[in-house]
Amino acid sequence: MIQKYPDSKKEIDALYYLGLSYKNIDNKDKAIDALEMLLEKYPTTRQADEAKKLMATFK
């Protein structure tokens, strides 16, 4: 979905849940990639705040 519809209004949630899903299967690198993309494109959203919290668990 992200590649096919890059500016969809649902992209914010898609990136967050993609990062969360990768975290849940212990794929840290891909999780970080998705969450960093979310933070770059949508830094002032609620999902960005959640992404920051999620990324803090990787340290």
C-alpha atoms as a PDB file:
ATOM      1  CA  MET A   1       0.000   0.000   0.000  1.00  0.00           C
ATOM      2  CA  ILE A   2       2.775   2.418   0.891  1.00  0.00           C
ATOM      3  CA  GLN A   3       4.504   1.957  -2.447  1.00  0.00           C
ATOM      4  CA  LYS A   4       1.332   1.954  -4.524  1.00  0.00           C
ATOM      5  CA  TYR A   5      -0.310   4.915  -2.738  1.00  0.00           C
ATOM      6  CA  PRO A   6       2.582   6.890  -1.200  1.00  0.00           C
ATOM      7  CA  ASP A   7       0.529   9.956  -0.260  1.00  0.00           C
ATOM      8  CA  SER A   8      -2.552   8.175   1.008  1.00  0.00           C
ATOM      9  CA  LYS A   9      -4.129   9.519   4.183  1.00  0.00           C
ATOM     10  CA  LYS A  10      -3.735   6.012   5.568  1.00  0.00           C
ATOM     11  CA  GLU A  11       0.032   6.040   5.082  1.00  0.00           C
ATOM     12  CA  ILE A  12       0.620   7.356   8.603  1.00  0.00           C
ATOM     13  CA  ASP A  13      -1.096   4.373  10.207  1.00  0.00           C
ATOM     14  CA  ALA A  14       0.378   1.967   7.663  1.00  0.00           C
ATOM     15  CA  LEU A  15       3.932   3.079   8.495  1.00  0.00           C
ATOM     16  CA  TYR A  16       3.312   2.855  12.237  1.00  0.00           C
ATOM     17  CA  TYR A  17       1.778  -0.608  12.078  1.00  0.00           C
ATOM     18  CA  LEU A  18       4.441  -1.778   9.646  1.00  0.00           C
ATOM     19  CA  GLY A  19       7.098  -0.736  12.156  1.00  0.00           C
ATOM     20  CA  LEU A  20       5.199  -2.374  15.000  1.00  0.00           C
ATOM     21  CA  SER A  21       4.782  -5.582  13.015  1.00  0.00           C
ATOM     22  CA  TYR A  22       8.483  -5.740  12.202  1.00  0.00           C
ATOM     23  CA  LYS A  23       9.289  -5.161  15.871  1.00  0.00           C
ATOM     24  CA  ASN A  24       6.975  -8.005  16.864  1.00  0.00           C
ATOM     25  CA  ILE A  25       8.838 -10.432  14.599  1.00  0.00           C
ATOM     26  CA  ASP A  26      12.216  -9.163  15.835  1.00  0.00           C
ATOM     27  CA  ASN A  27      13.208  -7.437  12.593  1.00  0.00           C
ATOM     28  CA  LYS A  28      14.681  -4.338  14.207  1.00  0.00           C
ATOM     29  CA  ASP A  29      16.241  -2.850  11.062  1.00  0.00           C
ATOM     30  CA  LYS A  30      13.040  -2.867   9.026  1.00  0.00           C
ATOM     31  CA  ALA A  31      11.042  -1.622  12.017  1.00  0.00           C
ATOM     32  CA  ILE A  32      13.381   1.328  12.402  1.00  0.00           C
ATOM     33  CA  ASP A  33      13.228   2.073   8.662  1.00  0.00           C
ATOM     34  CA  ALA A  34       9.419   2.259   8.716  1.00  0.00           C
ATOM     35  CA  LEU A  35       9.276   4.315  11.894  1.00  0.00           C
ATOM     36  CA  GLU A  36      11.955   6.740  10.707  1.00  0.00           C
ATOM     37  CA  MET A  37      10.032   7.261   7.466  1.00  0.00           C
ATOM     38  CA  LEU A  38       6.936   8.059   9.520  1.00  0.00           C
ATOM     39  CA  LEU A  39       8.901  10.536  11.644  1.00  0.00           C
ATOM     40  CA  GLU A  40      10.356  12.238   8.564  1.00  0.00           C
ATOM     41  CA  LYS A  41       7.087  12.617   6.701  1.00  0.00           C
ATOM     42  CA  TYR A  42       4.684  13.193   9.606  1.00  0.00           C
ATOM     43  CA  PRO A  43       6.665  14.539  12.585  1.00  0.00           C
ATOM     44  CA  THR A  44       3.776  16.304  14.338  1.00  0.00           C
ATOM     45  CA  THR A  45       1.265  13.456  14.396  1.00  0.00           C
ATOM     46  CA  ARG A  46       0.098  11.259  17.234  1.00  0.00           C
ATOM     47  CA  GLN A  47       1.584   8.277  15.393  1.00  0.00           C
ATOM     48  CA  ALA A  48       4.970  10.011  15.342  1.00  0.00           C
ATOM     49  CA  ASP A  49       4.810  10.318  19.133  1.00  0.00           C
ATOM     50  CA  GLU A  50       4.004   6.609  19.372  1.00  0.00           C
ATOM     51  CA  ALA A  51       6.797   5.793  16.904  1.00  0.00           C
ATOM     52  CA  LYS A  52       9.302   7.633  19.109  1.00  0.00           C
ATOM     53  CA  LYS A  53       8.188   5.588  22.123  1.00  0.00           C
ATOM     54  CA  LEU A  54       8.452   2.385  20.125  1.00  0.00           C
ATOM     55  CA  MET A  55      11.925   3.254  18.837  1.00  0.00           C
ATOM     56  CA  ALA A  56      13.075   3.950  22.397  1.00  0.00           C
ATOM     57  CA  THR A  57      12.451   0.276  23.203  1.00  0.00           C
ATOM     58  CA  PHE A  58      15.166  -0.742  20.716  1.00  0.00           C
ATOM     59  CA  LYS A  59      17.974   0.818  22.741  1.00  0.00           C
END
